[in-house]
Amino acid sequence: MAQRQPTRKQMLQWVNLVSFAVVEANLYLDTHPTDPAALSYFKEYNQLRSQALEEYASMYGPLTVDTAIGCQRKWEWVHEPWPWEGGSC
């Protein structure tokens, strides 16, 4: 049975979730820089965040400047509906 591809909203929710984890781990590491478990957690979720951003960018366009660098298309997001116009952001 083929797996369903996640929706745009689901992908954005995943990006937000892993981004939150990275920010929180980063804050913890500011005060506990030698905690090996926290550093491992940070590295793992930072990698998941990078993958999530790249996957999202390949399907719907870049969310960050990091993923816009390889974008061959025009800045198409400008032509999509803004959140207050019913966009899915």
N, C-alpha and C. Protein backbone atom coordinates (compact mmCIF):
# COMPACT_ATOMS: atom_id res chain seq x y z
N MET A 1 0.84 -1.18 0.00
CA MET A 1 0.00 0.00 0.00
C MET A 1 0.89 1.24 0.00
N ALA A 2 0.61 2.16 -0.87
CA ALA A 2 1.42 3.38 -0.98
C ALA A 2 1.15 4.31 0.20
N GLN A 3 2.22 4.95 0.64
CA GLN A 3 2.07 5.91 1.74
C GLN A 3 1.57 7.23 1.19
N ARG A 4 0.71 7.87 1.98
CA ARG A 4 0.21 9.18 1.58
C ARG A 4 1.26 10.23 1.87
N GLN A 5 1.35 11.18 0.99
CA GLN A 5 2.26 12.29 1.18
C GLN A 5 1.62 13.27 2.18
N PRO A 6 2.40 13.80 3.12
CA PRO A 6 1.81 14.74 4.08
C PRO A 6 1.33 16.02 3.39
N THR A 7 0.31 16.62 3.95
CA THR A 7 -0.22 17.87 3.39
C THR A 7 0.72 19.02 3.73
N ARG A 8 0.48 20.12 3.09
CA ARG A 8 1.28 21.32 3.36
C ARG A 8 1.18 21.71 4.83
N LYS A 9 -0.01 21.67 5.35
CA LYS A 9 -0.23 22.03 6.75
C LYS A 9 0.52 21.08 7.69
N GLN A 10 0.48 19.79 7.40
CA GLN A 10 1.19 18.80 8.22
C GLN A 10 2.70 19.01 8.16
N MET A 11 3.20 19.32 6.96
CA MET A 11 4.63 19.55 6.82
C MET A 11 5.06 20.80 7.59
N LEU A 12 4.26 21.86 7.52
CA LEU A 12 4.57 23.08 8.24
C LEU A 12 4.51 22.85 9.75
N GLN A 13 3.56 22.04 10.18
CA GLN A 13 3.46 21.70 11.60
C GLN A 13 4.71 20.94 12.06
N TRP A 14 5.22 20.03 11.24
CA TRP A 14 6.44 19.29 11.57
C TRP A 14 7.65 20.24 11.64
N VAL A 15 7.75 21.15 10.69
CA VAL A 15 8.83 22.15 10.70
C VAL A 15 8.77 22.95 12.00
N ASN A 16 7.59 23.37 12.38
CA ASN A 16 7.44 24.14 13.62
C ASN A 16 7.81 23.32 14.85
N LEU A 17 7.42 22.07 14.87
CA LEU A 17 7.70 21.20 16.02
C LEU A 17 9.21 21.00 16.20
N VAL A 18 9.89 20.63 15.12
CA VAL A 18 11.33 20.38 15.26
C VAL A 18 12.09 21.68 15.47
N SER A 19 11.60 22.78 14.92
CA SER A 19 12.23 24.07 15.16
C SER A 19 12.13 24.46 16.63
N PHE A 20 10.98 24.22 17.23
CA PHE A 20 10.79 24.50 18.65
C PHE A 20 11.77 23.68 19.49
N ALA A 21 11.91 22.40 19.15
CA ALA A 21 12.83 21.53 19.88
C ALA A 21 14.27 22.03 19.78
N VAL A 22 14.66 22.50 18.61
CA VAL A 22 16.02 23.01 18.41
C VAL A 22 16.24 24.27 19.24
N VAL A 23 15.29 25.18 19.22
CA VAL A 23 15.44 26.43 19.99
C VAL A 23 15.52 26.13 21.48
N GLU A 24 14.65 25.26 21.97
CA GLU A 24 14.67 24.92 23.39
C GLU A 24 15.97 24.23 23.80
N ALA A 25 16.45 23.32 22.98
CA ALA A 25 17.71 22.65 23.27
C ALA A 25 18.86 23.65 23.26
N ASN A 26 18.81 24.58 22.33
CA ASN A 26 19.83 25.62 22.26
C ASN A 26 19.84 26.47 23.53
N LEU A 27 18.68 26.84 24.00
CA LEU A 27 18.59 27.62 25.24
C LEU A 27 19.14 26.83 26.42
N TYR A 28 18.82 25.56 26.49
CA TYR A 28 19.33 24.72 27.57
C TYR A 28 20.86 24.62 27.50
N LEU A 29 21.37 24.46 26.29
CA LEU A 29 22.82 24.35 26.12
C LEU A 29 23.55 25.64 26.45
N ASP A 30 22.86 26.77 26.41
CA ASP A 30 23.48 28.03 26.83
C ASP A 30 23.91 27.97 28.29
N THR A 31 23.16 27.23 29.10
CA THR A 31 23.48 27.15 30.53
C THR A 31 24.09 25.81 30.92
N HIS A 32 24.05 24.84 30.03
CA HIS A 32 24.61 23.50 30.30
C HIS A 32 25.43 23.04 29.09
N PRO A 33 26.49 23.76 28.74
CA PRO A 33 27.21 23.49 27.49
C PRO A 33 27.96 22.16 27.45
N THR A 34 28.13 21.52 28.58
CA THR A 34 28.88 20.25 28.58
C THR A 34 27.98 19.04 28.75
N ASP A 35 26.69 19.21 28.63
CA ASP A 35 25.74 18.09 28.78
C ASP A 35 25.73 17.28 27.47
N PRO A 36 26.33 16.08 27.47
CA PRO A 36 26.42 15.31 26.22
C PRO A 36 25.06 14.86 25.68
N ALA A 37 24.12 14.56 26.56
CA ALA A 37 22.79 14.13 26.10
C ALA A 37 22.07 15.30 25.42
N ALA A 38 22.20 16.48 25.98
CA ALA A 38 21.56 17.66 25.38
C ALA A 38 22.19 18.01 24.04
N LEU A 39 23.50 17.88 23.96
CA LEU A 39 24.18 18.16 22.70
C LEU A 39 23.78 17.16 21.62
N SER A 40 23.65 15.92 21.99
CA SER A 40 23.21 14.88 21.06
C SER A 40 21.78 15.16 20.59
N TYR A 41 20.91 15.52 21.52
CA TYR A 41 19.52 15.86 21.21
C TYR A 41 19.48 17.04 20.24
N PHE A 42 20.27 18.07 20.54
CA PHE A 42 20.32 19.25 19.68
C PHE A 42 20.75 18.88 18.26
N LYS A 43 21.80 18.10 18.15
CA LYS A 43 22.30 17.70 16.83
C LYS A 43 21.25 16.91 16.05
N GLU A 44 20.59 15.97 16.74
CA GLU A 44 19.57 15.15 16.09
C GLU A 44 18.41 16.01 15.57
N TYR A 45 17.90 16.89 16.42
CA TYR A 45 16.75 17.70 16.01
C TYR A 45 17.12 18.81 15.04
N ASN A 46 18.35 19.27 15.10
CA ASN A 46 18.81 20.25 14.13
C ASN A 46 18.86 19.61 12.74
N GLN A 47 19.31 18.36 12.68
CA GLN A 47 19.32 17.63 11.40
C GLN A 47 17.89 17.38 10.90
N LEU A 48 16.99 16.99 11.80
CA LEU A 48 15.59 16.79 11.41
C LEU A 48 14.98 18.10 10.89
N ARG A 49 15.32 19.21 11.53
CA ARG A 49 14.82 20.51 11.09
C ARG A 49 15.33 20.85 9.69
N SER A 50 16.60 20.63 9.46
CA SER A 50 17.17 20.90 8.14
C SER A 50 16.49 20.06 7.06
N GLN A 51 16.27 18.79 7.36
CA GLN A 51 15.59 17.91 6.41
C GLN A 51 14.15 18.37 6.15
N ALA A 52 13.46 18.75 7.23
CA ALA A 52 12.07 19.19 7.10
C ALA A 52 11.99 20.47 6.25
N LEU A 53 12.91 21.39 6.48
CA LEU A 53 12.92 22.63 5.70
C LEU A 53 13.21 22.36 4.22
N GLU A 54 14.13 21.45 3.96
CA GLU A 54 14.46 21.12 2.57
C GLU A 54 13.29 20.42 1.87
N GLU A 55 12.64 19.50 2.57
CA GLU A 55 11.48 18.81 1.99
C GLU A 55 10.35 19.79 1.71
N TYR A 56 10.09 20.67 2.66
CA TYR A 56 9.03 21.67 2.47
C TYR A 56 9.36 22.56 1.28
N ALA A 57 10.61 23.02 1.22
CA ALA A 57 11.03 23.92 0.13
C ALA A 57 10.92 23.24 -1.23
N SER A 58 11.22 21.97 -1.29
CA SER A 58 11.15 21.27 -2.58
C SER A 58 9.71 21.14 -3.07
N MET A 59 8.75 21.14 -2.16
CA MET A 59 7.36 20.97 -2.55
C MET A 59 6.59 22.29 -2.66
N TYR A 60 6.87 23.22 -1.73
CA TYR A 60 6.04 24.42 -1.64
C TYR A 60 6.82 25.73 -1.71
N GLY A 61 8.14 25.64 -1.78
CA GLY A 61 8.95 26.85 -1.80
C GLY A 61 9.62 27.06 -0.46
N PRO A 62 10.64 27.89 -0.44
CA PRO A 62 11.46 28.07 0.76
C PRO A 62 10.72 28.79 1.89
N LEU A 63 11.02 28.36 3.11
CA LEU A 63 10.52 29.03 4.31
C LEU A 63 11.61 29.93 4.91
N THR A 64 12.84 29.58 4.65
CA THR A 64 13.98 30.34 5.19
C THR A 64 14.95 30.63 4.06
N VAL A 65 15.84 31.58 4.32
CA VAL A 65 16.84 31.92 3.32
C VAL A 65 17.78 30.74 3.06
N ASP A 66 17.97 29.90 4.07
CA ASP A 66 18.84 28.72 3.91
C ASP A 66 18.35 27.81 2.80
N THR A 67 17.04 27.66 2.67
CA THR A 67 16.49 26.76 1.66
C THR A 67 16.17 27.49 0.36
N ALA A 68 16.29 28.81 0.35
CA ALA A 68 16.03 29.58 -0.87
C ALA A 68 17.23 29.62 -1.79
N ILE A 69 18.41 29.32 -1.28
CA ILE A 69 19.64 29.42 -2.05
C ILE A 69 19.60 28.53 -3.28
N GLY A 70 19.13 27.30 -3.14
CA GLY A 70 19.09 26.38 -4.26
C GLY A 70 17.84 26.48 -5.10
N CYS A 71 16.99 27.41 -4.79
CA CYS A 71 15.71 27.55 -5.49
C CYS A 71 15.93 28.10 -6.89
N GLN A 72 15.46 27.38 -7.90
CA GLN A 72 15.62 27.79 -9.29
C GLN A 72 14.45 28.64 -9.78
N ARG A 73 13.37 28.61 -9.02
CA ARG A 73 12.17 29.33 -9.44
C ARG A 73 12.22 30.78 -8.98
N LYS A 74 11.29 31.56 -9.48
CA LYS A 74 11.13 32.93 -9.01
C LYS A 74 10.58 32.88 -7.58
N TRP A 75 10.49 34.02 -6.98
CA TRP A 75 9.93 34.09 -5.63
C TRP A 75 8.41 33.95 -5.74
N GLU A 76 7.98 32.70 -5.95
CA GLU A 76 6.58 32.43 -6.20
C GLU A 76 5.68 32.67 -4.99
N TRP A 77 6.25 32.63 -3.80
CA TRP A 77 5.43 32.80 -2.61
C TRP A 77 4.74 34.16 -2.58
N VAL A 78 5.27 35.13 -3.31
CA VAL A 78 4.67 36.45 -3.31
C VAL A 78 3.32 36.43 -4.00
N HIS A 79 3.11 35.48 -4.90
CA HIS A 79 1.88 35.40 -5.66
C HIS A 79 0.83 34.51 -5.01
N GLU A 80 1.20 33.82 -3.94
CA GLU A 80 0.25 32.96 -3.23
C GLU A 80 -0.56 33.80 -2.24
N PRO A 81 -1.71 33.30 -1.81
CA PRO A 81 -2.52 34.04 -0.84
C PRO A 81 -1.76 34.22 0.49
N TRP A 82 -1.84 35.41 1.04
CA TRP A 82 -1.25 35.70 2.34
C TRP A 82 -2.15 35.09 3.42
N PRO A 83 -1.64 34.89 4.64
CA PRO A 83 -2.46 34.24 5.68
C PRO A 83 -3.83 34.92 5.88
N TRP A 84 -3.87 36.24 5.82
CA TRP A 84 -5.14 36.93 6.03
C TRP A 84 -6.05 36.86 4.81
N GLU A 85 -5.52 36.34 3.71
CA GLU A 85 -6.32 36.11 2.52
C GLU A 85 -6.73 34.65 2.36
N GLY A 86 -6.48 33.86 3.39
CA GLY A 86 -6.85 32.45 3.34
C GLY A 86 -5.70 31.55 2.98
N GLY A 87 -4.48 32.06 2.96
CA GLY A 87 -3.30 31.24 2.70
C GLY A 87 -3.11 30.23 3.82
N SER A 88 -2.32 29.21 3.55
CA SER A 88 -2.19 28.11 4.51
C SER A 88 -1.03 28.29 5.49
N CYS A 89 -0.49 29.48 5.61
CA CYS A 89 0.63 29.69 6.52
C CYS A 89 0.22 29.55 7.95
